[in-house]
């Protein structure tokens, strides 16, 4: 039997199932890989927001990681919610000793505006975690938090990418989904535009912008999709383009759950062909 590519997510659990570990594992399955997890935090979370969160001990995170990597092995790793400096430093140390591409989603704030990263952990993200990244995938709020560059145009996306690359990742993906419609050069109001660059090559990735408020888990899903494609052997630009196509379909299929913001549809391709 063919063994699928193995992808590990190191992130927080979303009890509502729309983001975090749950979104990552759904994405990995949808893209044909074997997903594995290291839970770094547990949240009480639903469509209305994050009601509470509990960080796991560093020892528990380290033990989960070693258990998976030392026996099963990994072909790509994706990081998400790492809420404190000790957790960030521990995970960065583990990643530095792992021979696999790494996708760092520097989660700072939830879709509902809940803080998920302690202010004291920012330096650790900048100096320890980002240098381990094959691709870093901040949204506009996160890149401003990490670099001080506030993005309101295509040129500002370039400046943000340059500032992010100076912190150590090999590739920077600046996600423009939160840009005001039409503010990216050569993009219409109906397009969501991202910038992928390694400081030399530059790729502008465009996709339809859907009028759908149910977008919980978008960032986790994109990063997990990139990791899945990297694990399957894609080059970074190919992996990111394929991941953007997948997450665009998931956003289009986002559905209402509870009384707030619903999740993207990780199984949209299955439903599309059923």
C-alpha atoms as a PDB file:
ATOM      1  CA  UNK A   1       0.000   0.000   0.000  1.00  0.00           C
ATOM      2  CA  UNK A   2       1.154   3.531  -0.738  1.00  0.00           C
ATOM      3  CA  UNK A   3       1.888   5.506   2.424  1.00  0.00           C
ATOM      4  CA  UNK A   4       0.666   9.116   2.185  1.00  0.00           C
ATOM      5  CA  UNK A   5       2.996  12.000   2.908  1.00  0.00           C
ATOM      6  CA  UNK A   6       3.194  12.750   6.635  1.00  0.00           C
ATOM      7  CA  UNK A   7       2.474  16.259   7.927  1.00  0.00           C
ATOM      8  CA  UNK A   8       2.669  17.446  11.535  1.00  0.00           C
ATOM      9  CA  UNK A   9       0.795  20.403  12.980  1.00  0.00           C
ATOM     10  CA  UNK A  10       1.951  22.066  16.203  1.00  0.00           C
ATOM     11  CA  UNK A  11      -0.900  24.320  17.270  1.00  0.00           C
ATOM     12  CA  UNK A  12      -3.866  24.910  19.538  1.00  0.00           C
ATOM     13  CA  UNK A  13      -7.112  22.966  19.654  1.00  0.00           C
ATOM     14  CA  UNK A  14     -10.307  24.739  18.529  1.00  0.00           C
ATOM     15  CA  UNK A  15     -13.230  23.045  20.251  1.00  0.00           C
ATOM     16  CA  UNK A  16     -15.600  24.467  17.619  1.00  0.00           C
ATOM     17  CA  UNK A  17     -13.725  22.626  14.876  1.00  0.00           C
ATOM     18  CA  UNK A  18     -13.204  25.555  12.520  1.00  0.00           C
ATOM     19  CA  UNK A  19      -9.564  26.491  13.096  1.00  0.00           C
ATOM     20  CA  UNK A  20      -6.440  25.242  14.848  1.00  0.00           C
ATOM     21  CA  UNK A  21      -5.560  21.561  15.060  1.00  0.00           C
ATOM     22  CA  UNK A  22      -9.001  20.534  13.820  1.00  0.00           C
ATOM     23  CA  UNK A  23      -8.802  22.676  10.666  1.00  0.00           C
ATOM     24  CA  UNK A  24      -5.253  21.504  10.016  1.00  0.00           C
ATOM     25  CA  UNK A  25      -6.124  17.812  10.174  1.00  0.00           C
ATOM     26  CA  UNK A  26      -9.191  18.258   7.949  1.00  0.00           C
ATOM     27  CA  UNK A  27      -7.074  20.112   5.395  1.00  0.00           C
ATOM     28  CA  UNK A  28      -4.351  17.488   5.453  1.00  0.00           C
ATOM     29  CA  UNK A  29      -6.895  14.725   4.848  1.00  0.00           C
ATOM     30  CA  UNK A  30      -8.582  16.689   2.058  1.00  0.00           C
ATOM     31  CA  UNK A  31      -5.225  17.082   0.310  1.00  0.00           C
ATOM     32  CA  UNK A  32      -4.275  13.425   0.580  1.00  0.00           C
ATOM     33  CA  UNK A  33      -1.723  13.484   3.389  1.00  0.00           C
ATOM     34  CA  UNK A  34      -1.515  11.816   6.794  1.00  0.00           C
ATOM     35  CA  UNK A  35      -1.983  14.491   9.439  1.00  0.00           C
ATOM     36  CA  UNK A  36      -0.453  14.263  12.922  1.00  0.00           C
ATOM     37  CA  UNK A  37      -0.641  16.713  15.801  1.00  0.00           C
ATOM     38  CA  UNK A  38       1.148  18.263  18.723  1.00  0.00           C
ATOM     39  CA  UNK A  39      -1.404  20.138  20.828  1.00  0.00           C
ATOM     40  CA  UNK A  40       0.175  23.240  22.365  1.00  0.00           C
ATOM     41  CA  UNK A  41      -2.978  24.745  23.874  1.00  0.00           C
ATOM     42  CA  UNK A  42      -6.636  23.943  24.434  1.00  0.00           C
ATOM     43  CA  UNK A  43      -9.289  26.569  23.812  1.00  0.00           C
ATOM     44  CA  UNK A  44     -12.953  26.835  24.723  1.00  0.00           C
ATOM     45  CA  UNK A  45     -14.055  28.306  21.416  1.00  0.00           C
ATOM     46  CA  UNK A  46     -17.152  28.572  19.250  1.00  0.00           C
ATOM     47  CA  UNK A  47     -18.562  30.734  16.476  1.00  0.00           C
ATOM     48  CA  UNK A  48     -18.735  33.718  18.835  1.00  0.00           C
ATOM     49  CA  UNK A  49     -15.101  33.708  19.935  1.00  0.00           C
ATOM     50  CA  UNK A  50     -12.593  32.258  22.383  1.00  0.00           C
ATOM     51  CA  UNK A  51     -14.070  32.029  25.865  1.00  0.00           C
ATOM     52  CA  UNK A  52     -10.946  30.619  27.526  1.00  0.00           C
ATOM     53  CA  UNK A  53      -7.585  29.007  26.752  1.00  0.00           C
ATOM     54  CA  UNK A  54      -5.125  26.774  28.579  1.00  0.00           C
ATOM     55  CA  UNK A  55      -1.517  26.415  27.497  1.00  0.00           C
ATOM     56  CA  UNK A  56       0.012  22.942  27.773  1.00  0.00           C
ATOM     57  CA  UNK A  57       3.293  22.492  29.667  1.00  0.00           C
ATOM     58  CA  UNK A  58       6.473  22.678  27.613  1.00  0.00           C
ATOM     59  CA  UNK A  59       7.244  19.091  28.636  1.00  0.00           C
ATOM     60  CA  UNK A  60       3.951  17.873  27.161  1.00  0.00           C
ATOM     61  CA  UNK A  61       4.606  19.655  23.861  1.00  0.00           C
ATOM     62  CA  UNK A  62       8.141  18.312  23.637  1.00  0.00           C
ATOM     63  CA  UNK A  63       7.019  14.753  24.441  1.00  0.00           C
ATOM     64  CA  UNK A  64       4.277  14.802  21.768  1.00  0.00           C
ATOM     65  CA  UNK A  65       6.701  16.105  19.164  1.00  0.00           C
ATOM     66  CA  UNK A  66       9.435  13.592  19.923  1.00  0.00           C
ATOM     67  CA  UNK A  67       6.916  10.735  20.030  1.00  0.00           C
ATOM     68  CA  UNK A  68       5.738  11.470  16.486  1.00  0.00           C
ATOM     69  CA  UNK A  69       8.977  12.541  14.835  1.00  0.00           C
ATOM     70  CA  UNK A  70      11.231   9.864  16.322  1.00  0.00           C
ATOM     71  CA  UNK A  71       8.957   6.977  15.339  1.00  0.00           C
ATOM     72  CA  UNK A  72       6.734   7.996  12.412  1.00  0.00           C
ATOM     73  CA  UNK A  73       8.793  10.808  10.930  1.00  0.00           C
ATOM     74  CA  UNK A  74       7.549  13.904   9.114  1.00  0.00           C
ATOM     75  CA  UNK A  75       7.843  15.366   5.635  1.00  0.00           C
ATOM     76  CA  UNK A  76       6.571  18.821   6.608  1.00  0.00           C
ATOM     77  CA  UNK A  77       5.641  20.678   9.793  1.00  0.00           C
ATOM     78  CA  UNK A  78       3.147  23.496  10.260  1.00  0.00           C
ATOM     79  CA  UNK A  79       2.978  25.705  13.376  1.00  0.00           C
ATOM     80  CA  UNK A  80      -0.002  27.695  14.585  1.00  0.00           C
ATOM     81  CA  UNK A  81      -1.019  29.048  17.987  1.00  0.00           C
ATOM     82  CA  UNK A  82       2.004  29.139  20.311  1.00  0.00           C
ATOM     83  CA  UNK A  83       0.923  31.497  23.035  1.00  0.00           C
ATOM     84  CA  UNK A  84       4.024  32.062  25.197  1.00  0.00           C
ATOM     85  CA  UNK A  85       7.760  32.642  24.833  1.00  0.00           C
ATOM     86  CA  UNK A  86       8.710  29.283  26.457  1.00  0.00           C
ATOM     87  CA  UNK A  87       6.449  27.423  24.017  1.00  0.00           C
ATOM     88  CA  UNK A  88       7.777  29.350  21.019  1.00  0.00           C
ATOM     89  CA  UNK A  89      11.379  28.732  22.064  1.00  0.00           C
ATOM     90  CA  UNK A  90      10.779  25.027  22.671  1.00  0.00           C
ATOM     91  CA  UNK A  91       9.066  24.481  19.335  1.00  0.00           C
ATOM     92  CA  UNK A  92      11.747  26.482  17.511  1.00  0.00           C
ATOM     93  CA  UNK A  93      14.432  24.273  19.056  1.00  0.00           C
ATOM     94  CA  UNK A  94      12.567  21.131  17.970  1.00  0.00           C
ATOM     95  CA  UNK A  95      12.066  22.444  14.436  1.00  0.00           C
ATOM     96  CA  UNK A  96      15.734  23.376  14.095  1.00  0.00           C
ATOM     97  CA  UNK A  97      16.608  19.710  14.623  1.00  0.00           C
ATOM     98  CA  UNK A  98      14.057  18.372  12.137  1.00  0.00           C
ATOM     99  CA  UNK A  99      14.954  17.840   8.484  1.00  0.00           C
ATOM    100  CA  UNK A 100      11.673  18.876   6.878  1.00  0.00           C
ATOM    101  CA  UNK A 101      10.141  22.060   5.458  1.00  0.00           C
ATOM    102  CA  UNK A 102       8.376  24.246   8.009  1.00  0.00           C
ATOM    103  CA  UNK A 103       5.374  26.525   7.511  1.00  0.00           C
ATOM    104  CA  UNK A 104       5.044  29.109  10.282  1.00  0.00           C
ATOM    105  CA  UNK A 105       1.635  30.709  10.715  1.00  0.00           C
ATOM    106  CA  UNK A 106       2.443  33.335  13.383  1.00  0.00           C
ATOM    107  CA  UNK A 107      -1.022  33.348  14.933  1.00  0.00           C
ATOM    108  CA  UNK A 108      -1.533  36.524  16.950  1.00  0.00           C
ATOM    109  CA  UNK A 109      -5.266  37.206  17.046  1.00  0.00           C
ATOM    110  CA  UNK A 110      -8.313  35.039  16.388  1.00  0.00           C
ATOM    111  CA  UNK A 111     -10.907  35.795  13.692  1.00  0.00           C
ATOM    112  CA  UNK A 112     -13.037  37.293  16.474  1.00  0.00           C
ATOM    113  CA  UNK A 113     -10.269  39.596  17.742  1.00  0.00           C
ATOM    114  CA  UNK A 114      -9.168  37.467  20.714  1.00  0.00           C
ATOM    115  CA  UNK A 115      -5.446  37.714  21.536  1.00  0.00           C
ATOM    116  CA  UNK A 116      -3.715  34.341  21.096  1.00  0.00           C
ATOM    117  CA  UNK A 117      -0.075  35.398  21.470  1.00  0.00           C
ATOM    118  CA  UNK A 118       1.386  37.045  24.551  1.00  0.00           C
ATOM    119  CA  UNK A 119       3.194  40.334  23.918  1.00  0.00           C
ATOM    120  CA  UNK A 120       6.207  38.834  25.683  1.00  0.00           C
ATOM    121  CA  UNK A 121       6.390  36.069  23.057  1.00  0.00           C
ATOM    122  CA  UNK A 122       6.840  38.383  20.062  1.00  0.00           C
ATOM    123  CA  UNK A 123      10.621  38.572  20.362  1.00  0.00           C
ATOM    124  CA  UNK A 124      10.834  34.788  20.521  1.00  0.00           C
ATOM    125  CA  UNK A 125       8.745  34.523  17.345  1.00  0.00           C
ATOM    126  CA  UNK A 126      11.015  37.031  15.607  1.00  0.00           C
ATOM    127  CA  UNK A 127      14.366  35.647  16.756  1.00  0.00           C
ATOM    128  CA  UNK A 128      13.716  31.920  17.293  1.00  0.00           C
ATOM    129  CA  UNK A 129      10.703  30.705  15.320  1.00  0.00           C
ATOM    130  CA  UNK A 130      10.777  32.656  12.058  1.00  0.00           C
ATOM    131  CA  UNK A 131      14.390  31.644  11.260  1.00  0.00           C
ATOM    132  CA  UNK A 132      13.222  28.004  11.132  1.00  0.00           C
ATOM    133  CA  UNK A 133      10.522  28.742   8.540  1.00  0.00           C
ATOM    134  CA  UNK A 134      10.579  27.635   4.945  1.00  0.00           C
ATOM    135  CA  UNK A 135       7.477  29.805   4.500  1.00  0.00           C
ATOM    136  CA  UNK A 136       5.986  32.322   6.920  1.00  0.00           C
ATOM    137  CA  UNK A 137       2.317  33.196   6.372  1.00  0.00           C
ATOM    138  CA  UNK A 138       1.246  36.252   8.408  1.00  0.00           C
ATOM    139  CA  UNK A 139      -1.928  38.171   7.738  1.00  0.00           C
ATOM    140  CA  UNK A 140      -1.761  41.966   7.654  1.00  0.00           C
ATOM    141  CA  UNK A 141      -2.309  42.408  11.400  1.00  0.00           C
ATOM    142  CA  UNK A 142       0.338  39.801  12.214  1.00  0.00           C
ATOM    143  CA  UNK A 143       2.954  41.224   9.863  1.00  0.00           C
ATOM    144  CA  UNK A 144       2.394  44.683  11.389  1.00  0.00           C
ATOM    145  CA  UNK A 145       2.768  43.165  14.854  1.00  0.00           C
ATOM    146  CA  UNK A 146       6.040  41.465  13.878  1.00  0.00           C
ATOM    147  CA  UNK A 147       7.656  44.088  11.642  1.00  0.00           C
ATOM    148  CA  UNK A 148       5.886  47.394  12.303  1.00  0.00           C
ATOM    149  CA  UNK A 149       4.949  47.682   8.617  1.00  0.00           C
ATOM    150  CA  UNK A 150       1.277  48.541   8.133  1.00  0.00           C
ATOM    151  CA  UNK A 151       0.021  47.341   4.764  1.00  0.00           C
ATOM    152  CA  UNK A 152      -2.512  49.330   2.745  1.00  0.00           C
ATOM    153  CA  UNK A 153      -1.224  48.797  -0.809  1.00  0.00           C
ATOM    154  CA  UNK A 154       0.803  46.502  -3.053  1.00  0.00           C
ATOM    155  CA  UNK A 155       3.968  48.520  -2.418  1.00  0.00           C
ATOM    156  CA  UNK A 156       3.436  48.217   1.328  1.00  0.00           C
ATOM    157  CA  UNK A 157       3.085  44.448   0.861  1.00  0.00           C
ATOM    158  CA  UNK A 158       6.557  44.461  -0.700  1.00  0.00           C
ATOM    159  CA  UNK A 159       7.965  46.434   2.231  1.00  0.00           C
ATOM    160  CA  UNK A 160       6.330  44.069   4.699  1.00  0.00           C
ATOM    161  CA  UNK A 161       7.743  41.049   2.888  1.00  0.00           C
ATOM    162  CA  UNK A 162      11.243  42.549   2.932  1.00  0.00           C
ATOM    163  CA  UNK A 163      10.994  43.275   6.649  1.00  0.00           C
ATOM    164  CA  UNK A 164       9.698  39.764   7.337  1.00  0.00           C
ATOM    165  CA  UNK A 165      12.464  38.094   5.322  1.00  0.00           C
ATOM    166  CA  UNK A 166      15.026  39.991   7.387  1.00  0.00           C
ATOM    167  CA  UNK A 167      13.773  37.964  10.381  1.00  0.00           C
ATOM    168  CA  UNK A 168      14.918  34.724   8.779  1.00  0.00           C
ATOM    169  CA  UNK A 169      12.253  32.772   6.841  1.00  0.00           C
ATOM    170  CA  UNK A 170      13.252  31.595   3.355  1.00  0.00           C
ATOM    171  CA  UNK A 171       9.934  32.722   1.855  1.00  0.00           C
ATOM    172  CA  UNK A 172       7.386  35.302   2.965  1.00  0.00           C
ATOM    173  CA  UNK A 173       3.717  35.043   2.055  1.00  0.00           C
ATOM    174  CA  UNK A 174       1.940  38.309   2.803  1.00  0.00           C
ATOM    175  CA  UNK A 175      -1.786  37.612   2.754  1.00  0.00           C
ATOM    176  CA  UNK A 176      -3.810  40.504   1.362  1.00  0.00           C
ATOM    177  CA  UNK A 177      -7.288  39.237   2.097  1.00  0.00           C
ATOM    178  CA  UNK A 178      -7.844  42.027   4.627  1.00  0.00           C
ATOM    179  CA  UNK A 179      -6.794  44.778   2.215  1.00  0.00           C
ATOM    180  CA  UNK A 180      -9.478  47.202   1.187  1.00  0.00           C
ATOM    181  CA  UNK A 181     -10.923  45.895  -2.109  1.00  0.00           C
ATOM    182  CA  UNK A 182      -9.090  47.341  -5.090  1.00  0.00           C
ATOM    183  CA  UNK A 183      -6.106  48.708  -3.128  1.00  0.00           C
ATOM    184  CA  UNK A 184      -3.673  46.154  -4.569  1.00  0.00           C
ATOM    185  CA  UNK A 185      -2.078  47.158  -7.874  1.00  0.00           C
ATOM    186  CA  UNK A 186      -3.612  45.565 -10.976  1.00  0.00           C
ATOM    187  CA  UNK A 187      -6.294  43.855  -8.896  1.00  0.00           C
ATOM    188  CA  UNK A 188      -9.975  44.538  -9.112  1.00  0.00           C
ATOM    189  CA  UNK A 189     -12.265  44.979  -6.145  1.00  0.00           C
ATOM    190  CA  UNK A 190     -13.402  41.397  -6.668  1.00  0.00           C
ATOM    191  CA  UNK A 191      -9.919  39.908  -6.149  1.00  0.00           C
ATOM    192  CA  UNK A 192      -7.971  38.827  -3.052  1.00  0.00           C
ATOM    193  CA  UNK A 193      -4.242  39.275  -3.680  1.00  0.00           C
ATOM    194  CA  UNK A 194      -1.302  37.700  -1.833  1.00  0.00           C
ATOM    195  CA  UNK A 195       2.430  38.277  -2.326  1.00  0.00           C
ATOM    196  CA  UNK A 196       4.924  35.396  -2.160  1.00  0.00           C
ATOM    197  CA  UNK A 197       8.619  36.210  -2.366  1.00  0.00           C
ATOM    198  CA  UNK A 198      12.046  34.984  -1.300  1.00  0.00           C
ATOM    199  CA  UNK A 199      13.546  38.414  -1.817  1.00  0.00           C
ATOM    200  CA  UNK A 200      14.395  37.612  -5.437  1.00  0.00           C
ATOM    201  CA  UNK A 201      11.518  35.894  -7.163  1.00  0.00           C
ATOM    202  CA  UNK A 202       8.117  37.502  -6.659  1.00  0.00           C
ATOM    203  CA  UNK A 203       4.708  35.930  -7.210  1.00  0.00           C
ATOM    204  CA  UNK A 204       1.393  37.791  -7.037  1.00  0.00           C
ATOM    205  CA  UNK A 205      -1.390  35.308  -6.345  1.00  0.00           C
ATOM    206  CA  UNK A 206      -4.919  36.389  -7.219  1.00  0.00           C
ATOM    207  CA  UNK A 207      -8.225  34.689  -6.509  1.00  0.00           C
ATOM    208  CA  UNK A 208     -11.885  35.729  -6.437  1.00  0.00           C
ATOM    209  CA  UNK A 209     -12.978  37.655  -3.355  1.00  0.00           C
ATOM    210  CA  UNK A 210     -16.213  36.123  -2.016  1.00  0.00           C
ATOM    211  CA  UNK A 211     -18.806  38.040  -0.048  1.00  0.00           C
ATOM    212  CA  UNK A 212     -19.033  35.425   2.714  1.00  0.00           C
ATOM    213  CA  UNK A 213     -18.571  36.269   6.398  1.00  0.00           C
ATOM    214  CA  UNK A 214     -18.067  32.610   7.364  1.00  0.00           C
ATOM    215  CA  UNK A 215     -14.273  32.502   7.102  1.00  0.00           C
ATOM    216  CA  UNK A 216     -13.201  31.085  10.467  1.00  0.00           C
ATOM    217  CA  UNK A 217     -10.007  29.040  10.065  1.00  0.00           C
ATOM    218  CA  UNK A 218      -8.792  30.614   6.834  1.00  0.00           C
ATOM    219  CA  UNK A 219      -5.202  31.213   7.968  1.00  0.00           C
ATOM    220  CA  UNK A 220      -4.789  27.791   9.588  1.00  0.00           C
ATOM    221  CA  UNK A 221      -6.238  26.118   6.520  1.00  0.00           C
ATOM    222  CA  UNK A 222      -3.939  27.926   4.095  1.00  0.00           C
ATOM    223  CA  UNK A 223      -0.801  27.149   6.118  1.00  0.00           C
ATOM    224  CA  UNK A 224      -1.797  23.500   6.532  1.00  0.00           C
ATOM    225  CA  UNK A 225      -2.467  23.246   2.792  1.00  0.00           C
ATOM    226  CA  UNK A 226       0.973  24.680   1.989  1.00  0.00           C
ATOM    227  CA  UNK A 227       2.598  22.187   4.368  1.00  0.00           C
ATOM    228  CA  UNK A 228       0.649  19.331   2.786  1.00  0.00           C
ATOM    229  CA  UNK A 229       1.817  20.226  -0.702  1.00  0.00           C
ATOM    230  CA  UNK A 230       5.420  20.707   0.451  1.00  0.00           C
ATOM    231  CA  UNK A 231       5.295  17.249   2.048  1.00  0.00           C
ATOM    232  CA  UNK A 232       4.221  15.860  -1.314  1.00  0.00           C
ATOM    233  CA  UNK A 233       7.298  17.351  -2.955  1.00  0.00           C
ATOM    234  CA  UNK A 234       6.076  20.603  -4.476  1.00  0.00           C
ATOM    235  CA  UNK A 235       8.386  23.580  -4.782  1.00  0.00           C
ATOM    236  CA  UNK A 236       7.303  26.511  -2.617  1.00  0.00           C
ATOM    237  CA  UNK A 237       5.647  28.611  -5.377  1.00  0.00           C
ATOM    238  CA  UNK A 238       3.712  25.573  -6.638  1.00  0.00           C
ATOM    239  CA  UNK A 239       2.675  24.581  -3.109  1.00  0.00           C
ATOM    240  CA  UNK A 240       1.452  28.074  -2.242  1.00  0.00           C
ATOM    241  CA  UNK A 241      -0.498  28.493  -5.492  1.00  0.00           C
ATOM    242  CA  UNK A 242      -2.215  25.128  -4.976  1.00  0.00           C
ATOM    243  CA  UNK A 243      -2.965  25.967  -1.339  1.00  0.00           C
ATOM    244  CA  UNK A 244      -4.504  29.300  -2.310  1.00  0.00           C
ATOM    245  CA  UNK A 245      -6.742  27.544  -4.843  1.00  0.00           C
ATOM    246  CA  UNK A 246      -7.868  25.099  -2.149  1.00  0.00           C
ATOM    247  CA  UNK A 247      -8.550  27.742   0.496  1.00  0.00           C
ATOM    248  CA  UNK A 248     -10.401  29.922  -2.010  1.00  0.00           C
ATOM    249  CA  UNK A 249     -12.832  27.070  -2.598  1.00  0.00           C
ATOM    250  CA  UNK A 250     -13.112  26.534   1.146  1.00  0.00           C
ATOM    251  CA  UNK A 251     -13.965  30.219   1.673  1.00  0.00           C
ATOM    252  CA  UNK A 252     -16.572  30.094  -1.080  1.00  0.00           C
ATOM    253  CA  UNK A 253     -18.181  27.153   0.726  1.00  0.00           C
ATOM    254  CA  UNK A 254     -18.004  28.655   4.229  1.00  0.00           C
ATOM    255  CA  UNK A 255     -21.191  27.987   6.144  1.00  0.00           C
ATOM    256  CA  UNK A 256     -23.074  29.291   9.175  1.00  0.00           C
ATOM    257  CA  UNK A 257     -22.645  27.530  12.512  1.00  0.00           C
ATOM    258  CA  UNK A 258     -23.922  28.882  15.819  1.00  0.00           C
ATOM    259  CA  UNK A 259     -24.643  32.543  16.229  1.00  0.00           C
ATOM    260  CA  UNK A 260     -21.390  34.049  14.954  1.00  0.00           C
ATOM    261  CA  UNK A 261     -18.744  33.479  12.279  1.00  0.00           C
ATOM    262  CA  UNK A 262     -18.909  30.027  10.722  1.00  0.00           C
ATOM    263  CA  UNK A 263     -15.993  27.995   9.342  1.00  0.00           C
ATOM    264  CA  UNK A 264     -14.640  27.557   5.852  1.00  0.00           C
ATOM    265  CA  UNK A 265     -15.596  24.265   4.214  1.00  0.00           C
ATOM    266  CA  UNK A 266     -12.603  21.935   4.287  1.00  0.00           C
ATOM    267  CA  UNK A 267     -14.525  19.264   2.391  1.00  0.00           C
ATOM    268  CA  UNK A 268     -15.739  21.479  -0.452  1.00  0.00           C
ATOM    269  CA  UNK A 269     -14.145  19.346  -3.156  1.00  0.00           C
ATOM    270  CA  UNK A 270     -15.911  16.220  -1.929  1.00  0.00           C
ATOM    271  CA  UNK A 271     -19.256  18.000  -1.778  1.00  0.00           C
ATOM    272  CA  UNK A 272     -18.658  19.547  -5.194  1.00  0.00           C
ATOM    273  CA  UNK A 273     -18.345  16.083  -6.746  1.00  0.00           C
ATOM    274  CA  UNK A 274     -20.970  14.250  -4.684  1.00  0.00           C
END
